[in-house]
């Protein structure tokens, strides 16, 4: 619960969406 609240406040999105964005960014570099 604390991590989720801190993550939303710091990053402005959910951990799941952030993780997907990071993975898309890595896939872009590999492509």
ModelCIF file with pLDDT and N, C-alpha, C, O atoms, coordinates in Angstrom:
data_MODEL
#
_entry.id   MODEL 
#
_entity.id                         1 
_entity.type                       polymer 
_entity.pdbx_number_of_molecules   1 
#
_entity_poly.entity_id                      1 
_entity_poly.type                           'polypeptide(L)' 
_entity_poly.nstd_linkage                   no 
_entity_poly.nstd_monomer                   no 
_entity_poly.pdbx_seq_one_letter_code       
;(UNK)(UNK)(UNK)(UNK)(UNK)(UNK)(UNK)(UNK)(UNK)(UNK)(UNK)(UNK)(UNK)(UNK)(UNK)(UNK)
(UNK)(UNK)(UNK)(UNK)(UNK)(UNK)(UNK)(UNK)(UNK)(UNK)(UNK)(UNK)(UNK)(UNK)(UNK)
;
_entity_poly.pdbx_seq_one_letter_code_can   XXXXXXXXXXXXXXXXXXXXXXXXXXXXXXX 
_entity_poly.pdbx_strand_id                 A 
#
loop_
_entity_poly_seq.entity_id 
_entity_poly_seq.num 
_entity_poly_seq.mon_id 
_entity_poly_seq.hetero 
1 1  UNK n 
1 2  UNK n 
1 3  UNK n 
1 4  UNK n 
1 5  UNK n 
1 6  UNK n 
1 7  UNK n 
1 8  UNK n 
1 9  UNK n 
1 10 UNK n 
1 11 UNK n 
1 12 UNK n 
1 13 UNK n 
1 14 UNK n 
1 15 UNK n 
1 16 UNK n 
1 17 UNK n 
1 18 UNK n 
1 19 UNK n 
1 20 UNK n 
1 21 UNK n 
1 22 UNK n 
1 23 UNK n 
1 24 UNK n 
1 25 UNK n 
1 26 UNK n 
1 27 UNK n 
1 28 UNK n 
1 29 UNK n 
1 30 UNK n 
1 31 UNK n 
#
_struct_asym.id          A 
_struct_asym.entity_id   1 
#
loop_
_ma_qa_metric.id 
_ma_qa_metric.mode 
_ma_qa_metric.name 
_ma_qa_metric.software_group_id 
_ma_qa_metric.type 
1 global pLDDT . pLDDT 
2 local  pLDDT . pLDDT 
#
_ma_qa_metric_global.metric_id      1 
_ma_qa_metric_global.metric_value   88.81 
_ma_qa_metric_global.model_id       1 
_ma_qa_metric_global.ordinal_id     1 
#
loop_
_ma_qa_metric_local.label_asym_id 
_ma_qa_metric_local.label_comp_id 
_ma_qa_metric_local.label_seq_id 
_ma_qa_metric_local.metric_id 
_ma_qa_metric_local.metric_value 
_ma_qa_metric_local.model_id 
_ma_qa_metric_local.ordinal_id 
A UNK 1  2 94.00 1 1  
A UNK 2  2 94.00 1 2  
A UNK 3  2 93.00 1 3  
A UNK 4  2 93.00 1 4  
A UNK 5  2 91.00 1 5  
A UNK 6  2 89.00 1 6  
A UNK 7  2 89.00 1 7  
A UNK 8  2 87.00 1 8  
A UNK 9  2 82.00 1 9  
A UNK 10 2 77.00 1 10 
A UNK 11 2 79.00 1 11 
A UNK 12 2 77.00 1 12 
A UNK 13 2 85.00 1 13 
A UNK 14 2 91.00 1 14 
A UNK 15 2 93.00 1 15 
A UNK 16 2 93.00 1 16 
A UNK 17 2 91.00 1 17 
A UNK 18 2 92.00 1 18 
A UNK 19 2 94.00 1 19 
A UNK 20 2 93.00 1 20 
A UNK 21 2 88.00 1 21 
A UNK 22 2 91.00 1 22 
A UNK 23 2 93.00 1 23 
A UNK 24 2 91.00 1 24 
A UNK 25 2 85.00 1 25 
A UNK 26 2 90.00 1 26 
A UNK 27 2 91.00 1 27 
A UNK 28 2 85.00 1 28 
A UNK 29 2 84.00 1 29 
A UNK 30 2 89.00 1 30 
A UNK 31 2 89.00 1 31 
#
loop_
_atom_site.group_PDB 
_atom_site.id 
_atom_site.type_symbol 
_atom_site.label_atom_id 
_atom_site.label_alt_id 
_atom_site.label_comp_id 
_atom_site.label_asym_id 
_atom_site.label_entity_id 
_atom_site.label_seq_id 
_atom_site.pdbx_PDB_ins_code 
_atom_site.Cartn_x 
_atom_site.Cartn_y 
_atom_site.Cartn_z 
_atom_site.occupancy 
_atom_site.B_iso_or_equiv 
_atom_site.pdbx_formal_charge 
_atom_site.auth_seq_id 
_atom_site.auth_comp_id 
_atom_site.auth_asym_id 
_atom_site.auth_atom_id 
_atom_site.pdbx_PDB_model_num 
ATOM 1   N N  . UNK A 1 1  ? 0.822  -1.208 0.000   1.00 94.00 ? 1  UNK A N  1 
ATOM 2   C CA . UNK A 1 1  ? 0.000  0.000  0.000   1.00 94.00 ? 1  UNK A CA 1 
ATOM 3   C C  . UNK A 1 1  ? 0.860  1.264  0.000   1.00 94.00 ? 1  UNK A C  1 
ATOM 4   O O  . UNK A 1 1  ? 0.586  2.203  -0.747  1.00 94.00 ? 1  UNK A O  1 
ATOM 5   N N  . UNK A 1 2  ? 1.903  1.286  0.841   1.00 94.00 ? 2  UNK A N  1 
ATOM 6   C CA . UNK A 1 2  ? 2.781  2.464  0.902   1.00 94.00 ? 2  UNK A CA 1 
ATOM 7   C C  . UNK A 1 2  ? 3.519  2.660  -0.414  1.00 94.00 ? 2  UNK A C  1 
ATOM 8   O O  . UNK A 1 2  ? 3.643  3.783  -0.902  1.00 94.00 ? 2  UNK A O  1 
ATOM 9   N N  . UNK A 1 3  ? 4.009  1.558  -0.991  1.00 93.00 ? 3  UNK A N  1 
ATOM 10  C CA . UNK A 1 3  ? 4.728  1.636  -2.263  1.00 93.00 ? 3  UNK A CA 1 
ATOM 11  C C  . UNK A 1 3  ? 3.805  2.174  -3.361  1.00 93.00 ? 3  UNK A C  1 
ATOM 12  O O  . UNK A 1 3  ? 4.200  3.041  -4.141  1.00 93.00 ? 3  UNK A O  1 
ATOM 13  N N  . UNK A 1 4  ? 2.586  1.661  -3.416  1.00 93.00 ? 4  UNK A N  1 
ATOM 14  C CA . UNK A 1 4  ? 1.635  2.103  -4.440  1.00 93.00 ? 4  UNK A CA 1 
ATOM 15  C C  . UNK A 1 4  ? 1.354  3.591  -4.311  1.00 93.00 ? 4  UNK A C  1 
ATOM 16  O O  . UNK A 1 4  ? 1.317  4.310  -5.309  1.00 93.00 ? 4  UNK A O  1 
ATOM 17  N N  . UNK A 1 5  ? 1.153  4.056  -3.072  1.00 91.00 ? 5  UNK A N  1 
ATOM 18  C CA . UNK A 1 5  ? 0.894  5.480  -2.843  1.00 91.00 ? 5  UNK A CA 1 
ATOM 19  C C  . UNK A 1 5  ? 2.104  6.327  -3.217  1.00 91.00 ? 5  UNK A C  1 
ATOM 20  O O  . UNK A 1 5  ? 1.960  7.366  -3.862  1.00 91.00 ? 5  UNK A O  1 
ATOM 21  N N  . UNK A 1 6  ? 3.307  5.885  -2.812  1.00 89.00 ? 6  UNK A N  1 
ATOM 22  C CA . UNK A 1 6  ? 4.533  6.619  -3.129  1.00 89.00 ? 6  UNK A CA 1 
ATOM 23  C C  . UNK A 1 6  ? 4.783  6.631  -4.640  1.00 89.00 ? 6  UNK A C  1 
ATOM 24  O O  . UNK A 1 6  ? 5.190  7.647  -5.206  1.00 89.00 ? 6  UNK A O  1 
ATOM 25  N N  . UNK A 1 7  ? 4.537  5.503  -5.272  1.00 89.00 ? 7  UNK A N  1 
ATOM 26  C CA . UNK A 1 7  ? 4.778  5.402  -6.707  1.00 89.00 ? 7  UNK A CA 1 
ATOM 27  C C  . UNK A 1 7  ? 3.848  6.344  -7.470  1.00 89.00 ? 7  UNK A C  1 
ATOM 28  O O  . UNK A 1 7  ? 4.283  7.061  -8.371  1.00 89.00 ? 7  UNK A O  1 
ATOM 29  N N  . UNK A 1 8  ? 2.578  6.337  -7.107  1.00 87.00 ? 8  UNK A N  1 
ATOM 30  C CA . UNK A 1 8  ? 1.608  7.206  -7.786  1.00 87.00 ? 8  UNK A CA 1 
ATOM 31  C C  . UNK A 1 8  ? 1.972  8.675  -7.596  1.00 87.00 ? 8  UNK A C  1 
ATOM 32  O O  . UNK A 1 8  ? 1.866  9.469  -8.531  1.00 87.00 ? 8  UNK A O  1 
ATOM 33  N N  . UNK A 1 9  ? 2.397  9.034  -6.395  1.00 82.00 ? 9  UNK A N  1 
ATOM 34  C CA . UNK A 1 9  ? 2.753  10.416 -6.114  1.00 82.00 ? 9  UNK A CA 1 
ATOM 35  C C  . UNK A 1 9  ? 4.027  10.825 -6.841  1.00 82.00 ? 9  UNK A C  1 
ATOM 36  O O  . UNK A 1 9  ? 4.124  11.952 -7.327  1.00 82.00 ? 9  UNK A O  1 
ATOM 37  N N  . UNK A 1 10 ? 5.005  9.925  -6.923  1.00 77.00 ? 10 UNK A N  1 
ATOM 38  C CA . UNK A 1 10 ? 6.300  10.262 -7.514  1.00 77.00 ? 10 UNK A CA 1 
ATOM 39  C C  . UNK A 1 10 ? 6.289  10.184 -9.032  1.00 77.00 ? 10 UNK A C  1 
ATOM 40  O O  . UNK A 1 10 ? 6.857  11.046 -9.702  1.00 77.00 ? 10 UNK A O  1 
ATOM 41  N N  . UNK A 1 11 ? 5.649  9.158  -9.579  1.00 79.00 ? 11 UNK A N  1 
ATOM 42  C CA . UNK A 1 11 ? 5.709  8.902  -11.006 1.00 79.00 ? 11 UNK A CA 1 
ATOM 43  C C  . UNK A 1 11 ? 4.453  9.376  -11.721 1.00 79.00 ? 11 UNK A C  1 
ATOM 44  O O  . UNK A 1 11 ? 4.504  9.715  -12.903 1.00 79.00 ? 11 UNK A O  1 
ATOM 45  N N  . UNK A 1 12 ? 3.329  9.404  -11.019 1.00 77.00 ? 12 UNK A N  1 
ATOM 46  C CA . UNK A 1 12 ? 2.102  9.891  -11.606 1.00 77.00 ? 12 UNK A CA 1 
ATOM 47  C C  . UNK A 1 12 ? 1.320  8.864  -12.383 1.00 77.00 ? 12 UNK A C  1 
ATOM 48  O O  . UNK A 1 12 ? 0.422  9.217  -13.147 1.00 77.00 ? 12 UNK A O  1 
ATOM 49  N N  . UNK A 1 13 ? 1.648  7.581  -12.201 1.00 85.00 ? 13 UNK A N  1 
ATOM 50  C CA . UNK A 1 13 ? 0.928  6.516  -12.885 1.00 85.00 ? 13 UNK A CA 1 
ATOM 51  C C  . UNK A 1 13 ? 1.022  5.262  -12.038 1.00 85.00 ? 13 UNK A C  1 
ATOM 52  O O  . UNK A 1 13 ? 1.614  5.291  -10.959 1.00 85.00 ? 13 UNK A O  1 
ATOM 53  N N  . UNK A 1 14 ? 0.452  4.163  -12.504 1.00 91.00 ? 14 UNK A N  1 
ATOM 54  C CA . UNK A 1 14 ? 0.529  2.915  -11.745 1.00 91.00 ? 14 UNK A CA 1 
ATOM 55  C C  . UNK A 1 14 ? 1.831  2.190  -12.047 1.00 91.00 ? 14 UNK A C  1 
ATOM 56  O O  . UNK A 1 14 ? 2.464  2.439  -13.073 1.00 91.00 ? 14 UNK A O  1 
ATOM 57  N N  . UNK A 1 15 ? 2.228  1.296  -11.156 1.00 93.00 ? 15 UNK A N  1 
ATOM 58  C CA . UNK A 1 15 ? 3.444  0.520  -11.384 1.00 93.00 ? 15 UNK A CA 1 
ATOM 59  C C  . UNK A 1 15 ? 3.315  -0.319 -12.657 1.00 93.00 ? 15 UNK A C  1 
ATOM 60  O O  . UNK A 1 15 ? 4.277  -0.438 -13.415 1.00 93.00 ? 15 UNK A O  1 
ATOM 61  N N  . UNK A 1 16 ? 2.143  -0.898 -12.898 1.00 93.00 ? 16 UNK A N  1 
ATOM 62  C CA . UNK A 1 16 ? 1.950  -1.725 -14.080 1.00 93.00 ? 16 UNK A CA 1 
ATOM 63  C C  . UNK A 1 16 ? 2.125  -0.944 -15.370 1.00 93.00 ? 16 UNK A C  1 
ATOM 64  O O  . UNK A 1 16 ? 2.762  -1.423 -16.308 1.00 93.00 ? 16 UNK A O  1 
ATOM 65  N N  . UNK A 1 17 ? 1.559  0.260  -15.421 1.00 91.00 ? 17 UNK A N  1 
ATOM 66  C CA . UNK A 1 17 ? 1.707  1.079  -16.626 1.00 91.00 ? 17 UNK A CA 1 
ATOM 67  C C  . UNK A 1 17 ? 3.157  1.526  -16.814 1.00 91.00 ? 17 UNK A C  1 
ATOM 68  O O  . UNK A 1 17 ? 3.676  1.526  -17.930 1.00 91.00 ? 17 UNK A O  1 
ATOM 69  N N  . UNK A 1 18 ? 3.802  1.904  -15.714 1.00 92.00 ? 18 UNK A N  1 
ATOM 70  C CA . UNK A 1 18 ? 5.211  2.308  -15.794 1.00 92.00 ? 18 UNK A CA 1 
ATOM 71  C C  . UNK A 1 18 ? 6.074  1.165  -16.297 1.00 92.00 ? 18 UNK A C  1 
ATOM 72  O O  . UNK A 1 18 ? 6.933  1.371  -17.154 1.00 92.00 ? 18 UNK A O  1 
ATOM 73  N N  . UNK A 1 19 ? 5.857  -0.046 -15.771 1.00 94.00 ? 19 UNK A N  1 
ATOM 74  C CA . UNK A 1 19 ? 6.637  -1.204 -16.182 1.00 94.00 ? 19 UNK A CA 1 
ATOM 75  C C  . UNK A 1 19 ? 6.436  -1.487 -17.669 1.00 94.00 ? 19 UNK A C  1 
ATOM 76  O O  . UNK A 1 19 ? 7.393  -1.788 -18.383 1.00 94.00 ? 19 UNK A O  1 
ATOM 77  N N  . UNK A 1 20 ? 5.202  -1.391 -18.129 1.00 93.00 ? 20 UNK A N  1 
ATOM 78  C CA . UNK A 1 20 ? 4.932  -1.604 -19.556 1.00 93.00 ? 20 UNK A CA 1 
ATOM 79  C C  . UNK A 1 20 ? 5.641  -0.551 -20.404 1.00 93.00 ? 20 UNK A C  1 
ATOM 80  O O  . UNK A 1 20 ? 6.168  -0.873 -21.469 1.00 93.00 ? 20 UNK A O  1 
ATOM 81  N N  . UNK A 1 21 ? 5.661  0.699  -19.949 1.00 88.00 ? 21 UNK A N  1 
ATOM 82  C CA . UNK A 1 21 ? 6.359  1.758  -20.681 1.00 88.00 ? 21 UNK A CA 1 
ATOM 83  C C  . UNK A 1 21 ? 7.859  1.477  -20.760 1.00 88.00 ? 21 UNK A C  1 
ATOM 84  O O  . UNK A 1 21 ? 8.476  1.661  -21.809 1.00 88.00 ? 21 UNK A O  1 
ATOM 85  N N  . UNK A 1 22 ? 8.444  1.030  -19.643 1.00 91.00 ? 22 UNK A N  1 
ATOM 86  C CA . UNK A 1 22 ? 9.867  0.719  -19.635 1.00 91.00 ? 22 UNK A CA 1 
ATOM 87  C C  . UNK A 1 22 ? 10.179 -0.419 -20.595 1.00 91.00 ? 22 UNK A C  1 
ATOM 88  O O  . UNK A 1 22 ? 11.201 -0.396 -21.282 1.00 91.00 ? 22 UNK A O  1 
ATOM 89  N N  . UNK A 1 23 ? 9.310  -1.406 -20.642 1.00 93.00 ? 23 UNK A N  1 
ATOM 90  C CA . UNK A 1 23 ? 9.522  -2.549 -21.533 1.00 93.00 ? 23 UNK A CA 1 
ATOM 91  C C  . UNK A 1 23 ? 9.362  -2.147 -22.991 1.00 93.00 ? 23 UNK A C  1 
ATOM 92  O O  . UNK A 1 23 ? 10.103 -2.625 -23.850 1.00 93.00 ? 23 UNK A O  1 
ATOM 93  N N  . UNK A 1 24 ? 8.418  -1.287 -23.272 1.00 91.00 ? 24 UNK A N  1 
ATOM 94  C CA . UNK A 1 24 ? 8.281  -0.780 -24.638 1.00 91.00 ? 24 UNK A CA 1 
ATOM 95  C C  . UNK A 1 24 ? 9.535  -0.010 -25.035 1.00 91.00 ? 24 UNK A C  1 
ATOM 96  O O  . UNK A 1 24 ? 10.014 -0.140 -26.162 1.00 91.00 ? 24 UNK A O  1 
ATOM 97  N N  . UNK A 1 25 ? 10.070 0.792  -24.112 1.00 85.00 ? 25 UNK A N  1 
ATOM 98  C CA . UNK A 1 25 ? 11.284 1.549  -24.412 1.00 85.00 ? 25 UNK A CA 1 
ATOM 99  C C  . UNK A 1 25 ? 12.450 0.612  -24.723 1.00 85.00 ? 25 UNK A C  1 
ATOM 100 O O  . UNK A 1 25 ? 13.218 0.868  -25.651 1.00 85.00 ? 25 UNK A O  1 
ATOM 101 N N  . UNK A 1 26 ? 12.588 -0.470 -23.958 1.00 90.00 ? 26 UNK A N  1 
ATOM 102 C CA . UNK A 1 26 ? 13.654 -1.440 -24.228 1.00 90.00 ? 26 UNK A CA 1 
ATOM 103 C C  . UNK A 1 26 ? 13.424 -2.114 -25.575 1.00 90.00 ? 26 UNK A C  1 
ATOM 104 O O  . UNK A 1 26 ? 14.366 -2.296 -26.346 1.00 90.00 ? 26 UNK A O  1 
ATOM 105 N N  . UNK A 1 27 ? 12.190 -2.481 -25.861 1.00 91.00 ? 27 UNK A N  1 
ATOM 106 C CA . UNK A 1 27 ? 11.883 -3.102 -27.150 1.00 91.00 ? 27 UNK A CA 1 
ATOM 107 C C  . UNK A 1 27 ? 12.222 -2.148 -28.299 1.00 91.00 ? 27 UNK A C  1 
ATOM 108 O O  . UNK A 1 27 ? 12.731 -2.582 -29.332 1.00 91.00 ? 27 UNK A O  1 
ATOM 109 N N  . UNK A 1 28 ? 11.947 -0.874 -28.128 1.00 85.00 ? 28 UNK A N  1 
ATOM 110 C CA . UNK A 1 28 ? 12.313 0.104  -29.155 1.00 85.00 ? 28 UNK A CA 1 
ATOM 111 C C  . UNK A 1 28 ? 13.820 0.091  -29.412 1.00 85.00 ? 28 UNK A C  1 
ATOM 112 O O  . UNK A 1 28 ? 14.263 0.084  -30.561 1.00 85.00 ? 28 UNK A O  1 
ATOM 113 N N  . UNK A 1 29 ? 14.597 0.087  -28.336 1.00 84.00 ? 29 UNK A N  1 
ATOM 114 C CA . UNK A 1 29 ? 16.056 0.086  -28.515 1.00 84.00 ? 29 UNK A CA 1 
ATOM 115 C C  . UNK A 1 29 ? 16.533 -1.186 -29.208 1.00 84.00 ? 29 UNK A C  1 
ATOM 116 O O  . UNK A 1 29 ? 17.416 -1.139 -30.064 1.00 84.00 ? 29 UNK A O  1 
ATOM 117 N N  . UNK A 1 30 ? 15.947 -2.319 -28.836 1.00 89.00 ? 30 UNK A N  1 
ATOM 118 C CA . UNK A 1 30 ? 16.340 -3.580 -29.471 1.00 89.00 ? 30 UNK A CA 1 
ATOM 119 C C  . UNK A 1 30 ? 15.964 -3.585 -30.949 1.00 89.00 ? 30 UNK A C  1 
ATOM 120 O O  . UNK A 1 30 ? 16.724 -4.084 -31.778 1.00 89.00 ? 30 UNK A O  1 
ATOM 121 N N  . UNK A 1 31 ? 14.813 -3.039 -31.281 1.00 89.00 ? 31 UNK A N  1 
ATOM 122 C CA . UNK A 1 31 ? 14.394 -2.973 -32.684 1.00 89.00 ? 31 UNK A CA 1 
ATOM 123 C C  . UNK A 1 31 ? 15.273 -2.005 -33.471 1.00 89.00 ? 31 UNK A C  1 
ATOM 124 O O  . UNK A 1 31 ? 15.067 -1.821 -34.671 1.00 89.00 ? 31 UNK A O  1 
#
